[in-house]
């Protein structure tokens, strides 16, 4: 598994490649938490375009970061899921609480509209 962190306007963008499972979840959680804190992150975008598998450990990391972003009164968005990953997220109930989109552009549009409504 690999991940790339970028920050823009207090939004952390994370591109994940590989499997998010028991083997990789702990390292991902630790590095993601560090990036959230060091980059003064309010919002979080997870790009799952290149994720091939997620198990319950990976789902736990996603839910935990959702709670962390909620505490900051921010928004977490998931995008770029393939059919199998989307199905796992639907069955777990994650997609009922975290907005999901097909692309990064759609995620930015949602965030901008949501921010305007709250202003």
PDB file of N, CA and C in Angstrom:
ATOM      1  N   UNK A   1       0.843  -1.167   0.000  1.00  0.00           N
ATOM      2  CA  UNK A   1       0.000   0.000   0.000  1.00  0.00           C
ATOM      3  C   UNK A   1       0.889   1.230   0.000  1.00  0.00           C
ATOM      4  N   UNK A   2       0.415   2.249  -0.701  1.00  0.00           N
ATOM      5  CA  UNK A   2       1.090   3.543  -0.658  1.00  0.00           C
ATOM      6  C   UNK A   2       0.036   4.637  -0.580  1.00  0.00           C
ATOM      7  N   UNK A   3       0.455   5.786  -0.065  1.00  0.00           N
ATOM      8  CA  UNK A   3      -0.459   6.915   0.025  1.00  0.00           C
ATOM      9  C   UNK A   3       0.317   8.199  -0.188  1.00  0.00           C
ATOM     10  N   UNK A   4      -0.353   9.163  -0.804  1.00  0.00           N
ATOM     11  CA  UNK A   4       0.220  10.478  -1.067  1.00  0.00           C
ATOM     12  C   UNK A   4      -0.683  11.500  -0.406  1.00  0.00           C
ATOM     13  N   UNK A   5      -0.071  12.392   0.358  1.00  0.00           N
ATOM     14  CA  UNK A   5      -0.811  13.440   1.056  1.00  0.00           C
ATOM     15  C   UNK A   5      -0.533  14.786   0.397  1.00  0.00           C
ATOM     16  N   UNK A   6      -1.585  15.533   0.114  1.00  0.00           N
ATOM     17  CA  UNK A   6      -1.485  16.906  -0.370  1.00  0.00           C
ATOM     18  C   UNK A   6      -2.498  17.740   0.393  1.00  0.00           C
ATOM     19  N   UNK A   7      -2.191  19.011   0.565  1.00  0.00           N
ATOM     20  CA  UNK A   7      -3.101  19.888   1.293  1.00  0.00           C
ATOM     21  C   UNK A   7      -3.424  21.113   0.453  1.00  0.00           C
ATOM     22  N   UNK A   8      -4.693  21.512   0.492  1.00  0.00           N
ATOM     23  CA  UNK A   8      -5.146  22.688  -0.245  1.00  0.00           C
ATOM     24  C   UNK A   8      -6.306  23.301   0.525  1.00  0.00           C
ATOM     25  N   UNK A   9      -6.167  24.560   0.911  1.00  0.00           N
ATOM     26  CA  UNK A   9      -7.240  25.276   1.615  1.00  0.00           C
ATOM     27  C   UNK A   9      -7.755  24.508   2.834  1.00  0.00           C
ATOM     28  N   UNK A  10      -6.833  24.039   3.674  1.00  0.00           N
ATOM     29  CA  UNK A  10      -7.160  23.289   4.891  1.00  0.00           C
ATOM     30  C   UNK A  10      -7.897  21.975   4.605  1.00  0.00           C
ATOM     31  N   UNK A  11      -7.799  21.505   3.361  1.00  0.00           N
ATOM     32  CA  UNK A  11      -8.364  20.209   2.988  1.00  0.00           C
ATOM     33  C   UNK A  11      -7.215  19.271   2.658  1.00  0.00           C
ATOM     34  N   UNK A  12      -7.182  18.145   3.345  1.00  0.00           N
ATOM     35  CA  UNK A  12      -6.150  17.140   3.102  1.00  0.00           C
ATOM     36  C   UNK A  12      -6.668  16.160   2.059  1.00  0.00           C
ATOM     37  N   UNK A  13      -5.922  16.017   0.969  1.00  0.00           N
ATOM     38  CA  UNK A  13      -6.262  15.072  -0.092  1.00  0.00           C
ATOM     39  C   UNK A  13      -5.331  13.877   0.032  1.00  0.00           C
ATOM     40  N   UNK A  14      -5.910  12.692   0.131  1.00  0.00           N
ATOM     41  CA  UNK A  14      -5.120  11.480   0.318  1.00  0.00           C
ATOM     42  C   UNK A  14      -5.416  10.509  -0.817  1.00  0.00           C
ATOM     43  N   UNK A  15      -4.385  10.198  -1.599  1.00  0.00           N
ATOM     44  CA  UNK A  15      -4.507   9.217  -2.679  1.00  0.00           C
ATOM     45  C   UNK A  15      -3.937   7.901  -2.167  1.00  0.00           C
ATOM     46  N   UNK A  16      -4.780   6.888  -2.151  1.00  0.00           N
ATOM     47  CA  UNK A  16      -4.405   5.586  -1.604  1.00  0.00           C
ATOM     48  C   UNK A  16      -4.274   4.582  -2.747  1.00  0.00           C
ATOM     49  N   UNK A  17      -3.218   3.783  -2.702  1.00  0.00           N
ATOM     50  CA  UNK A  17      -3.006   2.738  -3.700  1.00  0.00           C
ATOM     51  C   UNK A  17      -2.792   1.408  -2.989  1.00  0.00           C
ATOM     52  N   UNK A  18      -3.512   0.379  -3.423  1.00  0.00           N
ATOM     53  CA  UNK A  18      -3.328  -0.955  -2.868  1.00  0.00           C
ATOM     54  C   UNK A  18      -4.480  -1.393  -1.993  1.00  0.00           C
ATOM     55  N   UNK A  19      -4.164  -2.226  -1.002  1.00  0.00           N
ATOM     56  CA  UNK A  19      -5.173  -2.785  -0.107  1.00  0.00           C
ATOM     57  C   UNK A  19      -5.160  -2.059   1.231  1.00  0.00           C
ATOM     58  N   UNK A  20      -6.348  -1.739   1.725  1.00  0.00           N
ATOM     59  CA  UNK A  20      -6.496  -1.126   3.050  1.00  0.00           C
ATOM     60  C   UNK A  20      -7.074  -2.210   3.949  1.00  0.00           C
ATOM     61  N   UNK A  21      -6.179  -2.943   4.619  1.00  0.00           N
ATOM     62  CA  UNK A  21      -6.597  -4.115   5.384  1.00  0.00           C
ATOM     63  C   UNK A  21      -5.836  -4.205   6.700  1.00  0.00           C
ATOM     64  N   UNK A  22      -5.969  -5.323   7.366  1.00  0.00           N
ATOM     65  CA  UNK A  22      -5.328  -5.538   8.665  1.00  0.00           C
ATOM     66  C   UNK A  22      -3.825  -5.262   8.619  1.00  0.00           C
ATOM     67  N   UNK A  23      -3.189  -5.632   7.533  1.00  0.00           N
ATOM     68  CA  UNK A  23      -1.743  -5.468   7.406  1.00  0.00           C
ATOM     69  C   UNK A  23      -1.346  -3.999   7.280  1.00  0.00           C
ATOM     70  N   UNK A  24      -2.150  -3.196   6.603  1.00  0.00           N
ATOM     71  CA  UNK A  24      -1.771  -1.815   6.292  1.00  0.00           C
ATOM     72  C   UNK A  24      -2.505  -0.757   7.112  1.00  0.00           C
ATOM     73  N   UNK A  25      -3.576  -1.122   7.771  1.00  0.00           N
ATOM     74  CA  UNK A  25      -4.446  -0.135   8.430  1.00  0.00           C
ATOM     75  C   UNK A  25      -3.740   0.661   9.523  1.00  0.00           C
ATOM     76  N   UNK A  26      -2.935   0.010  10.342  1.00  0.00           N
ATOM     77  CA  UNK A  26      -2.289   0.710  11.453  1.00  0.00           C
ATOM     78  C   UNK A  26      -1.350   1.803  10.946  1.00  0.00           C
ATOM     79  N   UNK A  27      -0.495   1.465   9.986  1.00  0.00           N
ATOM     80  CA  UNK A  27       0.430   2.463   9.437  1.00  0.00           C
ATOM     81  C   UNK A  27      -0.339   3.603   8.773  1.00  0.00           C
ATOM     82  N   UNK A  28      -1.368   3.255   8.017  1.00  0.00           N
ATOM     83  CA  UNK A  28      -2.160   4.286   7.351  1.00  0.00           C
ATOM     84  C   UNK A  28      -2.808   5.214   8.374  1.00  0.00           C
ATOM     85  N   UNK A  29      -3.395   4.649   9.418  1.00  0.00           N
ATOM     86  CA  UNK A  29      -4.035   5.457  10.463  1.00  0.00           C
ATOM     87  C   UNK A  29      -3.029   6.401  11.112  1.00  0.00           C
ATOM     88  N   UNK A  30      -1.866   5.886  11.464  1.00  0.00           N
ATOM     89  CA  UNK A  30      -0.852   6.704  12.125  1.00  0.00           C
ATOM     90  C   UNK A  30      -0.370   7.837  11.231  1.00  0.00           C
ATOM     91  N   UNK A  31      -0.091   7.527   9.975  1.00  0.00           N
ATOM     92  CA  UNK A  31       0.394   8.570   9.049  1.00  0.00           C
ATOM     93  C   UNK A  31      -0.700   9.570   8.719  1.00  0.00           C
ATOM     94  N   UNK A  32      -1.930   9.102   8.589  1.00  0.00           N
ATOM     95  CA  UNK A  32      -3.044   9.996   8.298  1.00  0.00           C
ATOM     96  C   UNK A  32      -3.313  10.926   9.475  1.00  0.00           C
ATOM     97  N   UNK A  33      -3.324  10.396  10.690  1.00  0.00           N
ATOM     98  CA  UNK A  33      -3.534  11.240  11.867  1.00  0.00           C
ATOM     99  C   UNK A  33      -2.443  12.300  11.984  1.00  0.00           C
ATOM    100  N   UNK A  34      -1.207  11.907  11.731  1.00  0.00           N
ATOM    101  CA  UNK A  34      -0.091  12.855  11.785  1.00  0.00           C
ATOM    102  C   UNK A  34      -0.274  13.957  10.741  1.00  0.00           C
ATOM    103  N   UNK A  35      -0.655  13.579   9.528  1.00  0.00           N
ATOM    104  CA  UNK A  35      -0.865  14.567   8.463  1.00  0.00           C
ATOM    105  C   UNK A  35      -2.024  15.501   8.797  1.00  0.00           C
ATOM    106  N   UNK A  36      -3.102  14.962   9.340  1.00  0.00           N
ATOM    107  CA  UNK A  36      -4.251  15.794   9.721  1.00  0.00           C
ATOM    108  C   UNK A  36      -3.817  16.843  10.736  1.00  0.00           C
ATOM    109  N   UNK A  37      -3.048  16.429  11.728  1.00  0.00           N
ATOM    110  CA  UNK A  37      -2.611  17.353  12.775  1.00  0.00           C
ATOM    111  C   UNK A  37      -1.572  18.353  12.272  1.00  0.00           C
ATOM    112  N   UNK A  38      -0.586  17.893  11.526  1.00  0.00           N
ATOM    113  CA  UNK A  38       0.499  18.765  11.081  1.00  0.00           C
ATOM    114  C   UNK A  38       0.073  19.745  10.000  1.00  0.00           C
ATOM    115  N   UNK A  39      -0.916  19.388   9.200  1.00  0.00           N
ATOM    116  CA  UNK A  39      -1.344  20.253   8.098  1.00  0.00           C
ATOM    117  C   UNK A  39      -2.557  21.102   8.470  1.00  0.00           C
ATOM    118  N   UNK A  40      -2.896  21.128   9.759  1.00  0.00           N
ATOM    119  CA  UNK A  40      -4.028  21.932  10.244  1.00  0.00           C
ATOM    120  C   UNK A  40      -5.280  21.681   9.406  1.00  0.00           C
ATOM    121  N   UNK A  41      -5.561  20.419   9.210  1.00  0.00           N
ATOM    122  CA  UNK A  41      -6.645  19.979   8.337  1.00  0.00           C
ATOM    123  C   UNK A  41      -8.009  20.185   8.975  1.00  0.00           C
ATOM    124  N   UNK A  42      -8.930  20.712   8.175  1.00  0.00           N
ATOM    125  CA  UNK A  42     -10.331  20.781   8.584  1.00  0.00           C
ATOM    126  C   UNK A  42     -11.138  19.725   7.826  1.00  0.00           C
ATOM    127  N   UNK A  43     -10.893  19.620   6.518  1.00  0.00           N
ATOM    128  CA  UNK A  43     -11.638  18.692   5.664  1.00  0.00           C
ATOM    129  C   UNK A  43     -10.707  17.602   5.150  1.00  0.00           C
ATOM    130  N   UNK A  44     -11.300  16.455   4.808  1.00  0.00           N
ATOM    131  CA  UNK A  44     -10.511  15.316   4.344  1.00  0.00           C
ATOM    132  C   UNK A  44     -11.159  14.695   3.117  1.00  0.00           C
ATOM    133  N   UNK A  45     -10.371  14.541   2.056  1.00  0.00           N
ATOM    134  CA  UNK A  45     -10.797  13.843   0.845  1.00  0.00           C
ATOM    135  C   UNK A  45      -9.979  12.559   0.740  1.00  0.00           C
ATOM    136  N   UNK A  46     -10.654  11.423   0.617  1.00  0.00           N
ATOM    137  CA  UNK A  46      -9.973  10.151   0.383  1.00  0.00           C
ATOM    138  C   UNK A  46     -10.221   9.708  -1.052  1.00  0.00           C
ATOM    139  N   UNK A  47      -9.149   9.610  -1.828  1.00  0.00           N
ATOM    140  CA  UNK A  47      -9.225   9.143  -3.208  1.00  0.00           C
ATOM    141  C   UNK A  47      -8.993   7.635  -3.211  1.00  0.00           C
ATOM    142  N   UNK A  48     -10.048   6.883  -3.486  1.00  0.00           N
ATOM    143  CA  UNK A  48      -9.975   5.422  -3.463  1.00  0.00           C
ATOM    144  C   UNK A  48      -9.867   4.817  -4.862  1.00  0.00           C
ATOM    145  N   UNK A  49      -9.517   5.641  -5.848  1.00  0.00           N
ATOM    146  CA  UNK A  49      -9.447   5.192  -7.234  1.00  0.00           C
ATOM    147  C   UNK A  49      -8.581   3.950  -7.401  1.00  0.00           C
ATOM    148  N   UNK A  50      -7.463   3.901  -6.681  1.00  0.00           N
ATOM    149  CA  UNK A  50      -6.510   2.797  -6.850  1.00  0.00           C
ATOM    150  C   UNK A  50      -6.530   1.805  -5.682  1.00  0.00           C
ATOM    151  N   UNK A  51      -7.604   1.814  -4.915  1.00  0.00           N
ATOM    152  CA  UNK A  51      -7.733   0.849  -3.819  1.00  0.00           C
ATOM    153  C   UNK A  51      -8.370  -0.420  -4.373  1.00  0.00           C
ATOM    154  N   UNK A  52      -7.720  -1.544  -4.124  1.00  0.00           N
ATOM    155  CA  UNK A  52      -8.205  -2.813  -4.670  1.00  0.00           C
ATOM    156  C   UNK A  52      -9.002  -3.637  -3.666  1.00  0.00           C
ATOM    157  N   UNK A  53      -8.851  -3.341  -2.359  1.00  0.00           N
ATOM    158  CA  UNK A  53      -9.539  -4.131  -1.340  1.00  0.00           C
ATOM    159  C   UNK A  53      -9.595  -3.349  -0.034  1.00  0.00           C
ATOM    160  N   UNK A  54     -10.711  -3.481   0.693  1.00  0.00           N
ATOM    161  CA  UNK A  54     -10.845  -2.912   2.038  1.00  0.00           C
ATOM    162  C   UNK A  54     -11.487  -3.976   2.922  1.00  0.00           C
ATOM    163  N   UNK A  55     -10.907  -4.205   4.113  1.00  0.00           N
ATOM    164  CA  UNK A  55     -11.539  -5.105   5.074  1.00  0.00           C
ATOM    165  C   UNK A  55     -12.015  -4.292   6.280  1.00  0.00           C
ATOM    166  N   UNK A  56     -12.440  -4.977   7.331  1.00  0.00           N
ATOM    167  CA  UNK A  56     -13.005  -4.285   8.493  1.00  0.00           C
ATOM    168  C   UNK A  56     -11.993  -3.361   9.170  1.00  0.00           C
ATOM    169  N   UNK A  57     -10.718  -3.696   9.120  1.00  0.00           N
ATOM    170  CA  UNK A  57      -9.692  -2.815   9.693  1.00  0.00           C
ATOM    171  C   UNK A  57      -9.627  -1.501   8.920  1.00  0.00           C
ATOM    172  N   UNK A  58      -9.685  -1.594   7.607  1.00  0.00           N
ATOM    173  CA  UNK A  58      -9.689  -0.397   6.772  1.00  0.00           C
ATOM    174  C   UNK A  58     -10.933   0.439   6.989  1.00  0.00           C
ATOM    175  N   UNK A  59     -12.075  -0.230   7.119  1.00  0.00           N
ATOM    176  CA  UNK A  59     -13.324   0.483   7.392  1.00  0.00           C
ATOM    177  C   UNK A  59     -13.236   1.212   8.727  1.00  0.00           C
ATOM    178  N   UNK A  60     -12.600   0.579   9.705  1.00  0.00           N
ATOM    179  CA  UNK A  60     -12.425   1.204  11.013  1.00  0.00           C
ATOM    180  C   UNK A  60     -11.585   2.465  10.936  1.00  0.00           C
ATOM    181  N   UNK A  61     -10.538   2.439  10.126  1.00  0.00           N
ATOM    182  CA  UNK A  61      -9.703   3.631   9.949  1.00  0.00           C
ATOM    183  C   UNK A  61     -10.527   4.754   9.322  1.00  0.00           C
ATOM    184  N   UNK A  62     -11.306   4.427   8.306  1.00  0.00           N
ATOM    185  CA  UNK A  62     -12.134   5.439   7.648  1.00  0.00           C
ATOM    186  C   UNK A  62     -13.120   6.042   8.642  1.00  0.00           C
ATOM    187  N   UNK A  63     -13.807   5.207   9.398  1.00  0.00           N
ATOM    188  CA  UNK A  63     -14.782   5.718  10.376  1.00  0.00           C
ATOM    189  C   UNK A  63     -14.122   6.547  11.472  1.00  0.00           C
ATOM    190  N   UNK A  64     -12.967   6.122  11.920  1.00  0.00           N
ATOM    191  CA  UNK A  64     -12.254   6.874  12.948  1.00  0.00           C
ATOM    192  C   UNK A  64     -11.833   8.249  12.469  1.00  0.00           C
ATOM    193  N   UNK A  65     -11.384   8.344  11.222  1.00  0.00           N
ATOM    194  CA  UNK A  65     -10.994   9.648  10.675  1.00  0.00           C
ATOM    195  C   UNK A  65     -12.233  10.509  10.435  1.00  0.00           C
ATOM    196  N   UNK A  66     -13.351   9.879  10.089  1.00  0.00           N
ATOM    197  CA  UNK A  66     -14.606  10.624   9.944  1.00  0.00           C
ATOM    198  C   UNK A  66     -14.947  11.312  11.268  1.00  0.00           C
ATOM    199  N   UNK A  67     -14.842  10.578  12.363  1.00  0.00           N
ATOM    200  CA  UNK A  67     -15.128  11.165  13.684  1.00  0.00           C
ATOM    201  C   UNK A  67     -14.161  12.303  14.002  1.00  0.00           C
ATOM    202  N   UNK A  68     -12.905  12.100  13.680  1.00  0.00           N
ATOM    203  CA  UNK A  68     -11.886  13.124  13.944  1.00  0.00           C
ATOM    204  C   UNK A  68     -12.186  14.405  13.162  1.00  0.00           C
ATOM    205  N   UNK A  69     -12.574  14.267  11.904  1.00  0.00           N
ATOM    206  CA  UNK A  69     -12.903  15.434  11.077  1.00  0.00           C
ATOM    207  C   UNK A  69     -14.193  16.081  11.578  1.00  0.00           C
ATOM    208  N   UNK A  70     -15.152  15.289  12.015  1.00  0.00           N
ATOM    209  CA  UNK A  70     -16.391  15.833  12.577  1.00  0.00           C
ATOM    210  C   UNK A  70     -16.102  16.681  13.812  1.00  0.00           C
ATOM    211  N   UNK A  71     -15.173  16.246  14.646  1.00  0.00           N
ATOM    212  CA  UNK A  71     -14.800  17.016  15.837  1.00  0.00           C
ATOM    213  C   UNK A  71     -14.236  18.381  15.465  1.00  0.00           C
ATOM    214  N   UNK A  72     -13.628  18.486  14.292  1.00  0.00           N
ATOM    215  CA  UNK A  72     -13.083  19.749  13.801  1.00  0.00           C
ATOM    216  C   UNK A  72     -14.136  20.552  13.035  1.00  0.00           C
ATOM    217  N   UNK A  73     -15.368  20.026  13.033  1.00  0.00           N
ATOM    218  CA  UNK A  73     -16.470  20.630  12.277  1.00  0.00           C
ATOM    219  C   UNK A  73     -16.158  20.720  10.782  1.00  0.00           C
ATOM    220  N   UNK A  74     -15.463  19.697  10.316  1.00  0.00           N
ATOM    221  CA  UNK A  74     -15.093  19.631   8.916  1.00  0.00           C
ATOM    222  C   UNK A  74     -15.933  18.615   8.164  1.00  0.00           C
ATOM    223  N   UNK A  75     -15.564  18.409   6.917  1.00  0.00           N
ATOM    224  CA  UNK A  75     -16.285  17.495   6.034  1.00  0.00           C
ATOM    225  C   UNK A  75     -15.302  16.470   5.485  1.00  0.00           C
ATOM    226  N   UNK A  76     -15.703  15.215   5.517  1.00  0.00           N
ATOM    227  CA  UNK A  76     -14.916  14.147   4.911  1.00  0.00           C
ATOM    228  C   UNK A  76     -15.660  13.647   3.689  1.00  0.00           C
ATOM    229  N   UNK A  77     -14.920  13.443   2.606  1.00  0.00           N
ATOM    230  CA  UNK A  77     -15.505  12.989   1.351  1.00  0.00           C
ATOM    231  C   UNK A  77     -14.666  11.838   0.806  1.00  0.00           C
ATOM    232  N   UNK A  78     -15.348  10.857   0.251  1.00  0.00           N
ATOM    233  CA  UNK A  78     -14.697   9.728  -0.410  1.00  0.00           C
ATOM    234  C   UNK A  78     -15.024   9.830  -1.897  1.00  0.00           C
ATOM    235  N   UNK A  79     -14.032   9.535  -2.737  1.00  0.00           N
ATOM    236  CA  UNK A  79     -14.337   9.523  -4.170  1.00  0.00           C
ATOM    237  C   UNK A  79     -13.465   8.518  -4.916  1.00  0.00           C
ATOM    238  N   UNK A  80     -13.926   8.192  -6.134  1.00  0.00           N
ATOM    239  CA  UNK A  80     -13.163   7.348  -7.036  1.00  0.00           C
ATOM    240  C   UNK A  80     -13.214   5.855  -6.767  1.00  0.00           C
ATOM    241  N   UNK A  81     -14.264   5.383  -6.122  1.00  0.00           N
ATOM    242  CA  UNK A  81     -14.334   3.958  -5.781  1.00  0.00           C
ATOM    243  C   UNK A  81     -14.691   3.108  -6.993  1.00  0.00           C
ATOM    244  N   UNK A  82     -14.075   1.925  -7.072  1.00  0.00           N
ATOM    245  CA  UNK A  82     -14.529   0.976  -8.084  1.00  0.00           C
ATOM    246  C   UNK A  82     -15.794   0.288  -7.561  1.00  0.00           C
ATOM    247  N   UNK A  83     -16.406  -0.532  -8.386  1.00  0.00           N
ATOM    248  CA  UNK A  83     -17.676  -1.172  -8.030  1.00  0.00           C
ATOM    249  C   UNK A  83     -17.574  -2.016  -6.764  1.00  0.00           C
ATOM    250  N   UNK A  84     -16.501  -2.783  -6.634  1.00  0.00           N
ATOM    251  CA  UNK A  84     -16.347  -3.651  -5.458  1.00  0.00           C
ATOM    252  C   UNK A  84     -16.159  -2.853  -4.171  1.00  0.00           C
ATOM    253  N   UNK A  85     -15.342  -1.818  -4.222  1.00  0.00           N
ATOM    254  CA  UNK A  85     -15.104  -0.986  -3.034  1.00  0.00           C
ATOM    255  C   UNK A  85     -16.390  -0.256  -2.660  1.00  0.00           C
ATOM    256  N   UNK A  86     -17.089   0.247  -3.660  1.00  0.00           N
ATOM    257  CA  UNK A  86     -18.353   0.937  -3.388  1.00  0.00           C
ATOM    258  C   UNK A  86     -19.335   0.003  -2.690  1.00  0.00           C
ATOM    259  N   UNK A  87     -19.401  -1.223  -3.129  1.00  0.00           N
ATOM    260  CA  UNK A  87     -20.313  -2.211  -2.526  1.00  0.00           C
ATOM    261  C   UNK A  87     -19.951  -2.473  -1.060  1.00  0.00           C
ATOM    262  N   UNK A  88     -18.671  -2.614  -0.770  1.00  0.00           N
ATOM    263  CA  UNK A  88     -18.223  -2.820   0.615  1.00  0.00           C
ATOM    264  C   UNK A  88     -18.616  -1.623   1.479  1.00  0.00           C
ATOM    265  N   UNK A  89     -18.409  -0.417   0.958  1.00  0.00           N
ATOM    266  CA  UNK A  89     -18.748   0.792   1.714  1.00  0.00           C
ATOM    267  C   UNK A  89     -20.258   0.927   1.905  1.00  0.00           C
ATOM    268  N   UNK A  90     -21.034   0.517   0.912  1.00  0.00           N
ATOM    269  CA  UNK A  90     -22.496   0.537   1.046  1.00  0.00           C
ATOM    270  C   UNK A  90     -22.957  -0.451   2.112  1.00  0.00           C
ATOM    271  N   UNK A  91     -22.461  -1.674   2.052  1.00  0.00           N
ATOM    272  CA  UNK A  91     -22.867  -2.713   3.006  1.00  0.00           C
ATOM    273  C   UNK A  91     -22.478  -2.363   4.439  1.00  0.00           C
ATOM    274  N   UNK A  92     -21.367  -1.661   4.594  1.00  0.00           N
ATOM    275  CA  UNK A  92     -20.908  -1.282   5.932  1.00  0.00           C
ATOM    276  C   UNK A  92     -21.682  -0.093   6.492  1.00  0.00           C
ATOM    277  N   UNK A  93     -22.408   0.610   5.630  1.00  0.00           N
ATOM    278  CA  UNK A  93     -23.153   1.791   6.063  1.00  0.00           C
ATOM    279  C   UNK A  93     -22.361   3.081   5.983  1.00  0.00           C
ATOM    280  N   UNK A  94     -21.108   3.003   5.583  1.00  0.00           N
ATOM    281  CA  UNK A  94     -20.269   4.201   5.517  1.00  0.00           C
ATOM    282  C   UNK A  94     -20.828   5.222   4.533  1.00  0.00           C
ATOM    283  N   UNK A  95     -21.354   4.758   3.411  1.00  0.00           N
ATOM    284  CA  UNK A  95     -21.855   5.706   2.411  1.00  0.00           C
ATOM    285  C   UNK A  95     -23.142   6.398   2.847  1.00  0.00           C
ATOM    286  N   UNK A  96     -23.741   5.937   3.931  1.00  0.00           N
ATOM    287  CA  UNK A  96     -24.920   6.640   4.443  1.00  0.00           C
ATOM    288  C   UNK A  96     -24.524   7.828   5.325  1.00  0.00           C
ATOM    289  N   UNK A  97     -23.256   7.903   5.733  1.00  0.00           N
ATOM    290  CA  UNK A  97     -22.825   9.031   6.576  1.00  0.00           C
ATOM    291  C   UNK A  97     -21.727   9.883   5.941  1.00  0.00           C
ATOM    292  N   UNK A  98     -20.951   9.308   5.032  1.00  0.00           N
ATOM    293  CA  UNK A  98     -19.871  10.055   4.388  1.00  0.00           C
ATOM    294  C   UNK A  98     -20.237  10.274   2.924  1.00  0.00           C
ATOM    295  N   UNK A  99     -20.256  11.537   2.467  1.00  0.00           N
ATOM    296  CA  UNK A  99     -20.557  11.799   1.057  1.00  0.00           C
ATOM    297  C   UNK A  99     -19.529  11.128   0.146  1.00  0.00           C
ATOM    298  N   UNK A 100     -20.010  10.582  -0.963  1.00  0.00           N
ATOM    299  CA  UNK A 100     -19.135   9.897  -1.914  1.00  0.00           C
ATOM    300  C   UNK A 100     -19.428  10.389  -3.325  1.00  0.00           C
ATOM    301  N   UNK A 101     -18.364  10.530  -4.108  1.00  0.00           N
ATOM    302  CA  UNK A 101     -18.485  11.043  -5.466  1.00  0.00           C
ATOM    303  C   UNK A 101     -17.591  10.249  -6.406  1.00  0.00           C
ATOM    304  N   UNK A 102     -17.778  10.471  -7.696  1.00  0.00           N
ATOM    305  CA  UNK A 102     -16.983   9.776  -8.700  1.00  0.00           C
ATOM    306  C   UNK A 102     -15.612  10.401  -8.900  1.00  0.00           C
ATOM    307  N   UNK A 103     -15.506  11.718  -8.672  1.00  0.00           N
ATOM    308  CA  UNK A 103     -14.256  12.405  -8.984  1.00  0.00           C
ATOM    309  C   UNK A 103     -13.905  13.468  -7.945  1.00  0.00           C
ATOM    310  N   UNK A 104     -12.659  13.897  -7.990  1.00  0.00           N
ATOM    311  CA  UNK A 104     -12.202  14.971  -7.110  1.00  0.00           C
ATOM    312  C   UNK A 104     -12.944  16.271  -7.421  1.00  0.00           C
ATOM    313  N   UNK A 105     -13.193  16.544  -8.691  1.00  0.00           N
ATOM    314  CA  UNK A 105     -13.923  17.766  -9.061  1.00  0.00           C
ATOM    315  C   UNK A 105     -15.310  17.801  -8.428  1.00  0.00           C
ATOM    316  N   UNK A 106     -16.011  16.680  -8.453  1.00  0.00           N
ATOM    317  CA  UNK A 106     -17.333  16.610  -7.824  1.00  0.00           C
ATOM    318  C   UNK A 106     -17.224  16.841  -6.319  1.00  0.00           C
ATOM    319  N   UNK A 107     -16.172  16.325  -5.710  1.00  0.00           N
ATOM    320  CA  UNK A 107     -15.963  16.512  -4.271  1.00  0.00           C
ATOM    321  C   UNK A 107     -15.746  17.987  -3.945  1.00  0.00           C
ATOM    322  N   UNK A 108     -14.921  18.679  -4.746  1.00  0.00           N
ATOM    323  CA  UNK A 108     -14.685  20.112  -4.511  1.00  0.00           C
ATOM    324  C   UNK A 108     -15.965  20.919  -4.688  1.00  0.00           C
ATOM    325  N   UNK A 109     -16.755  20.578  -5.708  1.00  0.00           N
ATOM    326  CA  UNK A 109     -18.022  21.280  -5.935  1.00  0.00           C
ATOM    327  C   UNK A 109     -18.938  21.120  -4.731  1.00  0.00           C
ATOM    328  N   UNK A 110     -19.042  19.911  -4.206  1.00  0.00           N
ATOM    329  CA  UNK A 110     -19.868  19.652  -3.024  1.00  0.00           C
ATOM    330  C   UNK A 110     -19.372  20.468  -1.832  1.00  0.00           C
ATOM    331  N   UNK A 111     -18.070  20.454  -1.603  1.00  0.00           N
ATOM    332  CA  UNK A 111     -17.502  21.183  -0.464  1.00  0.00           C
ATOM    333  C   UNK A 111     -17.771  22.681  -0.585  1.00  0.00           C
ATOM    334  N   UNK A 112     -17.607  23.229  -1.776  1.00  0.00           N
ATOM    335  CA  UNK A 112     -17.855  24.657  -1.991  1.00  0.00           C
ATOM    336  C   UNK A 112     -19.318  25.002  -1.728  1.00  0.00           C
ATOM    337  N   UNK A 113     -20.231  24.199  -2.239  1.00  0.00           N
ATOM    338  CA  UNK A 113     -21.664  24.455  -2.017  1.00  0.00           C
ATOM    339  C   UNK A 113     -22.019  24.336  -0.542  1.00  0.00           C
ATOM    340  N   UNK A 114     -21.483  23.323   0.115  1.00  0.00           N
ATOM    341  CA  UNK A 114     -21.741  23.110   1.543  1.00  0.00           C
ATOM    342  C   UNK A 114     -21.199  24.292   2.355  1.00  0.00           C
ATOM    343  N   UNK A 115     -20.027  24.779   1.996  1.00  0.00           N
ATOM    344  CA  UNK A 115     -19.422  25.913   2.697  1.00  0.00           C
ATOM    345  C   UNK A 115     -20.243  27.180   2.507  1.00  0.00           C
ATOM    346  N   UNK A 116     -20.776  27.379   1.313  1.00  0.00           N
ATOM    347  CA  UNK A 116     -21.607  28.562   1.052  1.00  0.00           C
ATOM    348  C   UNK A 116     -22.890  28.528   1.865  1.00  0.00           C
ATOM    349  N   UNK A 117     -23.480  27.342   2.004  1.00  0.00           N
ATOM    350  CA  UNK A 117     -24.714  27.204   2.785  1.00  0.00           C
ATOM    351  C   UNK A 117     -24.478  27.506   4.257  1.00  0.00           C
ATOM    352  N   UNK A 118     -23.299  27.148   4.759  1.00  0.00           N
ATOM    353  CA  UNK A 118     -22.996  27.334   6.177  1.00  0.00           C
ATOM    354  C   UNK A 118     -22.506  28.741   6.489  1.00  0.00           C
ATOM    355  N   UNK A 119     -22.162  29.507   5.461  1.00  0.00           N
ATOM    356  CA  UNK A 119     -21.626  30.868   5.672  1.00  0.00           C
ATOM    357  C   UNK A 119     -22.713  31.859   6.027  1.00  0.00           C
TER     358      UNK A 119
END
